[in-house]
N, C-alpha and C. Protein backbone atom coordinates (compact mmCIF):
# COMPACT_ATOMS: atom_id res chain seq x y z
N MET A 1 48.66 -38.74 -3.90
CA MET A 1 48.83 -40.10 -4.06
C MET A 1 48.45 -40.56 -2.21
N SER A 2 47.45 -41.79 -2.04
CA SER A 2 47.52 -42.48 -1.29
C SER A 2 48.05 -43.91 -0.92
N TRP A 3 48.56 -44.10 -0.12
CA TRP A 3 49.51 -45.22 0.11
C TRP A 3 48.94 -46.15 0.48
N PRO A 4 48.55 -47.51 0.42
CA PRO A 4 48.16 -48.38 1.02
C PRO A 4 48.99 -48.67 2.32
N LYS A 5 48.49 -48.88 3.41
CA LYS A 5 49.11 -49.70 4.55
C LYS A 5 49.73 -50.91 4.40
N THR A 6 50.25 -51.30 3.71
CA THR A 6 51.04 -52.48 3.73
C THR A 6 52.36 -52.89 3.92
N SER A 7 52.87 -53.83 4.12
CA SER A 7 54.62 -54.12 4.50
C SER A 7 55.33 -54.03 3.24
N ASP A 8 54.35 -54.28 2.10
CA ASP A 8 55.06 -54.57 0.62
C ASP A 8 55.95 -52.89 0.80
N TYR A 9 55.70 -51.72 1.03
CA TYR A 9 56.21 -50.64 0.95
C TYR A 9 57.54 -50.38 1.80
N ALA A 10 57.15 -50.77 3.02
CA ALA A 10 58.47 -51.27 4.16
C ALA A 10 59.19 -51.94 3.40
N TRP A 11 58.71 -52.92 2.97
CA TRP A 11 60.03 -54.00 2.28
C TRP A 11 61.06 -53.07 1.34
N VAL A 12 60.05 -53.15 0.00
CA VAL A 12 61.26 -52.26 -0.79
C VAL A 12 61.73 -50.86 -0.43
N ILE A 13 61.12 -50.48 0.54
CA ILE A 13 62.41 -49.03 1.18
C ILE A 13 63.40 -49.65 1.79
N PHE A 14 63.25 -50.89 2.55
CA PHE A 14 64.33 -51.13 3.02
C PHE A 14 65.34 -52.25 2.36
N VAL A 15 64.90 -52.56 1.47
CA VAL A 15 66.08 -53.43 0.11
C VAL A 15 66.74 -52.16 -0.49
N ALA A 16 65.92 -50.91 -0.89
CA ALA A 16 66.59 -49.98 -1.83
C ALA A 16 67.47 -49.24 -0.90
N ARG A 17 67.14 -48.69 0.47
CA ARG A 17 67.96 -48.33 1.53
C ARG A 17 69.45 -48.93 1.65
N TRP A 18 69.22 -50.45 1.98
CA TRP A 18 70.16 -51.35 2.40
C TRP A 18 70.96 -51.10 1.13
N ILE A 19 70.48 -51.55 -0.31
CA ILE A 19 71.65 -51.78 -1.44
C ILE A 19 72.26 -50.04 -1.55
N LEU A 20 71.20 -49.11 -1.23
CA LEU A 20 71.98 -47.99 -1.41
C LEU A 20 73.03 -47.70 -0.41
N GLY A 21 72.74 -47.94 1.17
CA GLY A 21 73.60 -48.16 1.98
C GLY A 21 74.70 -49.13 1.64
N LEU A 22 74.76 -50.01 1.30
CA LEU A 22 76.08 -50.96 1.29
C LEU A 22 77.01 -50.38 -0.22
N MET A 23 76.44 -49.72 -1.10
CA MET A 23 77.41 -48.85 -2.25
C MET A 23 78.15 -47.93 -1.60
N PHE A 24 77.47 -47.19 -0.73
CA PHE A 24 78.22 -46.16 0.06
C PHE A 24 78.95 -46.44 0.70
N PHE A 25 78.59 -47.77 1.68
CA PHE A 25 79.64 -48.23 3.14
C PHE A 25 81.10 -48.84 2.06
N PHE A 26 80.67 -49.37 0.96
CA PHE A 26 81.44 -50.30 0.42
C PHE A 26 82.72 -49.18 -0.32
N ALA A 27 82.25 -48.01 -0.94
CA ALA A 27 82.76 -47.24 -1.27
C ALA A 27 84.06 -46.66 -0.60
N GLY A 28 83.18 -46.26 0.54
CA GLY A 28 83.69 -45.47 1.47
C GLY A 28 85.25 -46.36 1.89
N ILE A 29 85.09 -47.76 2.53
CA ILE A 29 85.90 -48.99 3.14
C ILE A 29 87.03 -48.77 1.58
N TYR A 30 86.64 -48.80 0.28
CA TYR A 30 87.74 -48.91 -0.41
C TYR A 30 88.53 -47.60 -0.54
N LYS A 31 88.20 -46.42 -0.34
CA LYS A 31 88.56 -45.04 -0.04
C LYS A 31 89.67 -45.46 1.03
N PHE A 32 89.29 -45.63 2.36
CA PHE A 32 90.08 -45.88 3.24
C PHE A 32 91.31 -46.83 3.12
N ILE A 33 90.81 -47.76 2.34
CA ILE A 33 92.02 -48.93 2.04
C ILE A 33 93.02 -48.37 1.23
N LEU A 34 92.07 -47.50 0.18
CA LEU A 34 93.37 -47.02 -0.86
C LEU A 34 94.05 -45.59 -0.12
N GLY A 35 93.36 -45.31 0.81
CA GLY A 35 93.95 -44.21 1.46
C GLY A 35 93.33 -42.79 1.05
N PRO A 36 92.92 -41.67 1.58
CA PRO A 36 92.32 -40.66 1.39
C PRO A 36 93.22 -39.93 0.43
N LEU A 37 94.55 -39.98 0.70
CA LEU A 37 95.62 -39.21 -0.31
C LEU A 37 95.60 -39.91 -1.51
N GLU A 38 95.99 -41.05 -1.50
CA GLU A 38 96.16 -41.74 -2.60
C GLU A 38 94.42 -41.37 -3.44
N TYR A 39 93.31 -41.37 -3.19
CA TYR A 39 91.93 -41.04 -3.70
C TYR A 39 92.20 -39.66 -4.18
N ALA A 40 92.36 -38.67 -3.64
CA ALA A 40 92.80 -37.42 -3.99
C ALA A 40 93.74 -37.33 -5.26
N ARG A 41 94.42 -37.51 -5.20
CA ARG A 41 95.60 -37.99 -6.04
C ARG A 41 94.78 -38.64 -7.41
N GLU A 42 93.87 -39.88 -7.40
CA GLU A 42 93.30 -40.33 -8.37
C GLU A 42 92.21 -39.32 -9.17
N MET A 43 91.73 -38.76 -7.90
CA MET A 43 90.92 -37.60 -8.76
C MET A 43 91.00 -36.47 -9.47
N SER A 44 92.53 -36.02 -9.29
CA SER A 44 92.80 -35.18 -9.67
C SER A 44 93.38 -35.43 -11.03
N VAL A 45 93.14 -36.60 -11.68
CA VAL A 45 92.93 -37.17 -13.32
C VAL A 45 91.93 -36.38 -13.84
N MET A 46 90.66 -35.60 -13.40
CA MET A 46 90.01 -34.77 -13.66
C MET A 46 90.67 -33.89 -14.06
N ARG A 47 91.59 -33.34 -14.49
CA ARG A 47 92.27 -32.18 -14.74
C ARG A 47 91.57 -30.88 -15.05
N HIS A 48 90.31 -31.03 -16.04
CA HIS A 48 89.63 -29.63 -15.86
C HIS A 48 88.64 -29.35 -15.13
N ALA A 49 87.62 -30.70 -14.41
CA ALA A 49 87.09 -30.40 -13.18
C ALA A 49 88.11 -29.60 -12.54
N VAL A 50 89.12 -30.04 -12.04
CA VAL A 50 90.00 -29.61 -10.95
C VAL A 50 90.55 -28.08 -11.26
N ALA A 51 90.76 -27.90 -12.48
CA ALA A 51 91.09 -26.69 -12.71
C ALA A 51 89.80 -25.54 -12.44
N SER A 52 88.57 -25.88 -12.89
CA SER A 52 87.55 -25.01 -12.38
C SER A 52 87.34 -24.95 -10.94
N VAL A 53 87.98 -25.65 -9.55
CA VAL A 53 87.92 -25.27 -8.33
C VAL A 53 89.36 -24.98 -8.02
N PRO A 54 89.45 -24.23 -6.97
CA PRO A 54 90.54 -24.31 -6.23
C PRO A 54 91.01 -25.40 -5.52
N ALA A 55 92.48 -25.51 -5.89
CA ALA A 55 92.92 -26.81 -5.35
C ALA A 55 92.69 -26.90 -4.11
N SER A 56 92.59 -26.19 -2.94
CA SER A 56 92.34 -26.56 -1.78
C SER A 56 91.07 -27.15 -1.57
N ILE A 57 90.19 -26.26 -2.09
CA ILE A 57 88.51 -26.92 -2.31
C ILE A 57 88.82 -28.55 -2.62
N TRP A 58 89.41 -28.95 -3.97
CA TRP A 58 88.92 -30.03 -4.57
C TRP A 58 89.69 -30.92 -3.75
N TRP A 59 90.97 -30.65 -3.09
CA TRP A 59 91.63 -31.48 -2.03
C TRP A 59 91.29 -31.77 -1.07
N ALA A 60 90.25 -30.92 -0.31
CA ALA A 60 89.54 -30.83 0.75
C ALA A 60 88.12 -32.29 0.68
N GLY A 61 87.86 -31.79 -0.80
CA GLY A 61 86.89 -32.61 -0.79
C GLY A 61 86.83 -33.92 -1.19
N ALA A 62 88.08 -34.32 -1.78
CA ALA A 62 88.46 -35.67 -2.12
C ALA A 62 88.93 -36.14 -0.86
N LEU A 63 89.45 -35.39 0.21
CA LEU A 63 90.08 -35.95 1.48
C LEU A 63 88.82 -36.39 2.15
N VAL A 64 87.86 -36.23 2.47
CA VAL A 64 86.71 -36.12 3.04
C VAL A 64 85.51 -37.07 2.40
N THR A 65 85.94 -37.21 1.25
CA THR A 65 85.05 -38.33 0.69
C THR A 65 84.98 -39.97 1.09
N PRO A 66 86.07 -40.01 1.71
CA PRO A 66 85.89 -41.47 2.15
C PRO A 66 85.35 -41.36 3.81
N PHE A 67 85.03 -40.63 4.54
CA PHE A 67 84.42 -40.18 5.53
C PHE A 67 83.03 -40.28 5.41
N VAL A 68 82.65 -39.06 4.47
CA VAL A 68 81.31 -38.89 4.17
C VAL A 68 80.45 -40.07 3.49
N GLU A 69 81.56 -40.85 2.58
CA GLU A 69 80.56 -42.16 1.69
C GLU A 69 80.80 -43.16 3.01
N LEU A 70 81.34 -43.55 3.99
CA LEU A 70 81.25 -44.62 4.83
C LEU A 70 79.72 -44.24 5.88
N SER A 71 79.95 -42.72 5.98
CA SER A 71 78.85 -42.30 6.80
C SER A 71 77.61 -42.27 6.71
N ILE A 72 77.44 -41.94 5.23
CA ILE A 72 76.20 -42.05 4.37
C ILE A 72 75.82 -43.75 4.63
N GLY A 73 76.74 -44.64 3.99
CA GLY A 73 76.58 -46.05 4.07
C GLY A 73 76.04 -46.59 5.35
N VAL A 74 76.59 -46.43 6.47
CA VAL A 74 76.06 -46.53 7.92
C VAL A 74 75.01 -46.40 8.20
N LEU A 75 74.42 -44.75 8.16
CA LEU A 75 73.24 -44.40 8.56
C LEU A 75 72.24 -44.83 7.66
N LEU A 76 72.69 -45.26 6.36
CA LEU A 76 71.51 -45.95 5.54
C LEU A 76 71.41 -47.41 6.15
N LEU A 77 72.50 -48.01 6.43
CA LEU A 77 72.17 -49.23 6.71
C LEU A 77 71.34 -49.20 8.16
N LEU A 78 71.53 -48.55 9.11
CA LEU A 78 70.79 -48.41 10.26
C LEU A 78 69.33 -47.82 10.12
N GLY A 79 69.20 -47.11 8.93
CA GLY A 79 68.04 -46.43 8.89
C GLY A 79 68.01 -45.23 9.86
N LEU A 80 69.55 -44.53 10.50
CA LEU A 80 68.85 -43.93 11.03
C LEU A 80 69.37 -42.17 10.56
N TRP A 81 68.31 -41.23 11.01
CA TRP A 81 68.27 -39.99 10.52
C TRP A 81 68.40 -40.23 8.87
N THR A 82 67.68 -40.80 8.40
CA THR A 82 67.58 -41.44 6.96
C THR A 82 67.06 -40.29 6.03
N ARG A 83 66.42 -39.51 6.43
CA ARG A 83 65.90 -38.00 5.59
C ARG A 83 67.09 -37.38 5.42
N GLN A 84 67.83 -37.05 6.39
CA GLN A 84 68.56 -36.00 6.38
C GLN A 84 70.07 -36.66 5.79
N THR A 85 70.13 -37.74 5.86
CA THR A 85 71.23 -38.39 4.95
C THR A 85 71.14 -38.51 3.59
N LEU A 86 69.74 -38.91 3.13
CA LEU A 86 69.18 -38.79 1.76
C LEU A 86 69.91 -37.35 1.06
N TRP A 87 69.05 -36.02 1.91
CA TRP A 87 69.21 -35.01 1.41
C TRP A 87 71.07 -34.81 0.93
N LEU A 88 71.56 -35.30 2.36
CA LEU A 88 73.16 -35.04 2.08
C LEU A 88 73.62 -36.02 0.72
N LEU A 89 72.98 -36.92 0.71
CA LEU A 89 73.45 -37.90 -0.61
C LEU A 89 73.33 -37.10 -1.69
N GLY A 90 71.80 -36.79 -1.82
CA GLY A 90 71.48 -35.90 -3.03
C GLY A 90 72.50 -34.80 -3.48
N ALA A 91 73.02 -34.23 -2.20
CA ALA A 91 74.00 -33.15 -2.44
C ALA A 91 75.25 -33.64 -3.01
N VAL A 92 75.72 -34.49 -2.67
CA VAL A 92 76.83 -35.19 -3.17
C VAL A 92 76.88 -36.06 -4.53
N LEU A 93 75.56 -36.49 -5.04
CA LEU A 93 75.29 -36.66 -6.38
C LEU A 93 75.09 -35.53 -7.17
N ILE A 94 74.63 -34.41 -6.87
CA ILE A 94 75.10 -33.14 -7.94
C ILE A 94 76.30 -33.02 -7.58
N LEU A 95 77.14 -32.74 -6.97
CA LEU A 95 78.56 -32.56 -6.83
C LEU A 95 79.24 -33.71 -7.60
N ALA A 96 79.09 -34.70 -7.76
CA ALA A 96 79.42 -35.93 -8.61
C ALA A 96 79.20 -35.44 -10.07
N THR A 97 78.00 -35.28 -10.07
CA THR A 97 77.47 -34.82 -11.56
C THR A 97 77.97 -33.59 -12.19
N LEU A 98 78.29 -32.70 -11.39
CA LEU A 98 79.29 -31.73 -11.30
C LEU A 98 80.58 -31.65 -12.12
N ALA A 99 81.12 -32.71 -11.36
CA ALA A 99 82.41 -32.67 -11.67
C ALA A 99 82.74 -33.29 -12.85
N TYR A 100 81.53 -34.63 -13.19
CA TYR A 100 81.74 -35.29 -14.11
C TYR A 100 81.54 -34.44 -15.44
N GLY A 101 80.46 -33.48 -15.37
CA GLY A 101 79.97 -32.66 -16.48
C GLY A 101 80.95 -31.74 -16.57
N VAL A 102 81.63 -30.61 -15.84
CA VAL A 102 82.68 -30.13 -16.28
C VAL A 102 83.76 -30.59 -16.84
N ASP A 103 84.12 -31.66 -16.49
CA ASP A 103 85.29 -32.74 -17.28
C ASP A 103 84.84 -33.07 -18.45
N ALA A 104 83.50 -33.41 -18.70
CA ALA A 104 83.28 -33.55 -20.26
C ALA A 104 83.16 -32.45 -20.93
N LEU A 105 83.14 -31.50 -20.32
CA LEU A 105 83.23 -29.93 -21.22
C LEU A 105 84.55 -29.87 -21.82
N TYR A 106 85.58 -30.38 -21.60
CA TYR A 106 86.74 -30.28 -21.93
C TYR A 106 87.33 -31.48 -22.65
N HIS A 107 86.73 -32.55 -22.39
CA HIS A 107 86.95 -33.97 -23.16
C HIS A 107 85.46 -34.63 -23.56
N PRO A 108 84.71 -33.80 -24.78
CA PRO A 108 83.42 -34.62 -24.97
C PRO A 108 83.71 -35.72 -25.54
N VAL A 109 82.71 -36.81 -24.66
CA VAL A 109 82.37 -38.12 -25.48
C VAL A 109 81.36 -38.16 -26.19
N GLY A 110 81.09 -38.35 -27.37
CA GLY A 110 79.98 -39.27 -27.93
C GLY A 110 79.04 -37.72 -28.04
N THR A 111 77.58 -37.96 -28.59
CA THR A 111 76.67 -36.85 -28.86
C THR A 111 76.58 -35.99 -27.84
N ASN A 112 76.50 -36.39 -26.63
CA ASN A 112 75.91 -35.51 -25.30
C ASN A 112 77.34 -35.16 -24.85
N ALA A 113 78.36 -35.52 -25.04
CA ALA A 113 79.26 -34.51 -24.70
C ALA A 113 80.13 -35.42 -23.33
N LEU A 114 79.02 -35.89 -22.50
CA LEU A 114 79.28 -36.27 -21.25
C LEU A 114 79.41 -37.87 -21.31
N ALA A 115 80.95 -38.40 -20.92
CA ALA A 115 80.70 -39.91 -21.01
C ALA A 115 79.80 -40.70 -20.00
N LEU A 116 79.25 -41.33 -20.86
CA LEU A 116 78.05 -42.19 -20.44
C LEU A 116 78.39 -43.39 -19.24
N SER A 117 79.60 -43.70 -19.28
CA SER A 117 79.92 -44.59 -18.30
C SER A 117 79.75 -44.50 -16.70
N PRO A 118 80.51 -43.06 -16.34
CA PRO A 118 80.32 -42.65 -14.83
C PRO A 118 78.51 -42.49 -14.43
N VAL A 119 77.95 -41.89 -15.95
CA VAL A 119 76.58 -41.71 -15.72
C VAL A 119 75.77 -42.99 -15.33
N ASN A 120 76.10 -44.15 -16.29
CA ASN A 120 75.27 -45.12 -16.23
C ASN A 120 75.30 -46.28 -14.95
N ASP A 121 76.86 -46.14 -14.82
CA ASP A 121 77.68 -47.21 -13.87
C ASP A 121 77.32 -46.37 -12.33
N TYR A 122 77.37 -45.13 -12.15
CA TYR A 122 77.49 -44.69 -10.55
C TYR A 122 75.87 -43.64 -10.34
N LEU A 123 75.94 -42.73 -11.08
CA LEU A 123 74.92 -41.68 -10.73
C LEU A 123 73.18 -42.12 -10.93
N ILE A 124 73.18 -43.07 -12.20
CA ILE A 124 71.39 -43.52 -11.92
C ILE A 124 71.01 -44.24 -11.36
N SER A 125 71.59 -45.30 -11.12
CA SER A 125 71.53 -45.89 -9.82
C SER A 125 71.38 -45.70 -8.74
N ARG A 126 72.16 -44.86 -8.07
CA ARG A 126 72.27 -44.12 -7.04
C ARG A 126 70.80 -43.35 -6.94
N VAL A 127 70.90 -42.53 -7.74
CA VAL A 127 69.41 -41.76 -7.67
C VAL A 127 68.25 -42.50 -7.91
N ALA A 128 67.99 -43.42 -8.19
CA ALA A 128 66.93 -44.02 -8.45
C ALA A 128 66.57 -45.00 -7.42
N LEU A 129 67.87 -45.10 -6.79
CA LEU A 129 67.39 -45.88 -5.44
C LEU A 129 67.12 -44.80 -4.02
N LEU A 130 68.00 -43.92 -4.35
CA LEU A 130 67.51 -42.50 -3.13
C LEU A 130 65.82 -42.04 -3.40
N VAL A 131 65.47 -42.00 -4.77
CA VAL A 131 64.17 -41.58 -4.82
C VAL A 131 63.16 -42.49 -4.18
N VAL A 132 63.37 -43.57 -4.36
CA VAL A 132 62.74 -45.00 -4.14
C VAL A 132 62.71 -44.61 -2.53
N VAL A 133 63.91 -44.51 -1.81
CA VAL A 133 63.55 -44.45 -0.28
C VAL A 133 62.94 -43.13 -0.08
N LEU A 134 63.53 -42.07 -0.72
CA LEU A 134 62.96 -40.83 -0.49
C LEU A 134 61.72 -40.53 -0.54
N TYR A 135 60.90 -40.55 -1.67
CA TYR A 135 59.54 -40.22 -2.09
C TYR A 135 58.31 -40.81 -0.88
N PRO A 136 58.32 -41.79 -0.64
CA PRO A 136 57.27 -42.72 0.45
C PRO A 136 57.32 -41.44 1.70
N PRO A 137 56.20 -41.72 2.19
CA PRO A 137 55.89 -41.02 3.74
C PRO A 137 56.98 -41.75 4.39
N ARG A 138 57.76 -41.03 5.67
CA ARG A 138 58.58 -41.46 6.21
C ARG A 138 58.12 -42.78 7.18
N GLU A 139 57.03 -43.00 7.18
CA GLU A 139 56.11 -43.80 7.94
C GLU A 139 56.02 -45.10 7.36
N HIS A 140 56.62 -44.91 5.95
CA HIS A 140 56.46 -46.74 5.70
C HIS A 140 57.60 -47.31 5.68
N ASP A 141 58.75 -46.40 6.14
CA ASP A 141 60.04 -46.64 6.30
C ASP A 141 60.25 -47.54 7.76
N ARG A 142 59.56 -48.80 7.63
CA ARG A 142 59.08 -49.24 9.51
C ARG A 142 60.53 -50.16 9.95
N TYR A 143 61.22 -50.58 9.06
CA TYR A 143 62.44 -51.59 9.34
C TYR A 143 63.31 -50.76 9.26
N SER A 144 63.77 -49.63 10.27
CA SER A 144 64.73 -48.91 10.84
C SER A 144 64.87 -48.38 12.14
N VAL A 145 65.72 -47.62 12.37
CA VAL A 145 66.25 -47.39 13.72
C VAL A 145 65.34 -46.05 13.84
N ASP A 146 65.15 -44.96 12.56
CA ASP A 146 63.94 -44.24 12.94
C ASP A 146 62.64 -44.44 13.33
N SER A 147 62.65 -45.30 12.97
CA SER A 147 60.73 -45.70 12.86
C SER A 147 60.85 -46.30 14.58
N LEU A 148 61.72 -47.02 14.77
CA LEU A 148 62.00 -47.74 16.29
C LEU A 148 61.63 -46.32 17.04
N LEU A 149 62.39 -45.24 16.78
CA LEU A 149 62.59 -44.08 17.76
C LEU A 149 61.40 -42.86 17.68
N ARG A 150 60.73 -43.22 16.33
CA ARG A 150 59.35 -42.75 16.45
C ARG A 150 58.37 -43.36 17.21
N GLY A 151 58.70 -44.59 17.19
CA GLY A 151 57.38 -45.47 18.17
C GLY A 151 58.02 -45.17 19.50
N LEU A 152 59.07 -44.77 20.01
CA LEU A 152 59.28 -44.39 21.67
C LEU A 152 59.15 -43.52 21.44
N SER A 153 59.00 -42.14 20.51
CA SER A 153 58.54 -41.26 21.53
C SER A 153 57.17 -40.94 21.37
N HIS A 154 55.98 -41.97 20.60
CA HIS A 154 54.85 -41.85 20.55
C HIS A 154 54.27 -42.55 21.63
N ARG A 155 55.32 -43.14 22.71
CA ARG A 155 54.53 -43.50 23.87
C ARG A 155 54.53 -42.74 25.14
N PRO A 156 53.27 -43.18 25.90
CA PRO A 156 52.87 -41.85 26.84
C PRO A 156 54.09 -42.37 27.93
C-alpha cells in the first residue's frame, strides 16, 4: 500500500496517539490516587483469574499496573519511543483479555461467555487506536518527539 505524503495521516496519528495516551495517563493517575494496594485488592474480585495465576504474580502485576499505565500514557502523549510503547501496550491488552477471558470461563455471561462490557468499554477502543497509530509507517507520525529525534539524526 502506498501512503500519500500528506499531513492528514500525521494529524490522524497524532489525535489517535493522544486519545490513547490520555486514556492510559488518566487510568494510571486514578490507580495512584486509589493506591496500588487498593487497586490490587479491587482486582482480586476476579476470583477465578486470580486462582489460575500464582498470587504473587497477580499481586505484582496489580501493583505495577499504575506505573505501567502512567508510563504508557506519558510516552504516547510525548510520542517518545512510540513503537516500543505500542508493543508493550499490545502485551498489556492481551493480558487484560486473558484475565477477563479466564474469569468468564467461570462466570459465563450471554452466548459468548465473555462479558461484553469490559470488551466494548475497555479493550476494543484501545486496540483500534493502537492499530491506527501502529499500522502506518513511522515517518507519518510527524507530531512527536520521535519525529524530532529522527530529524536530528539525519542532519550532517
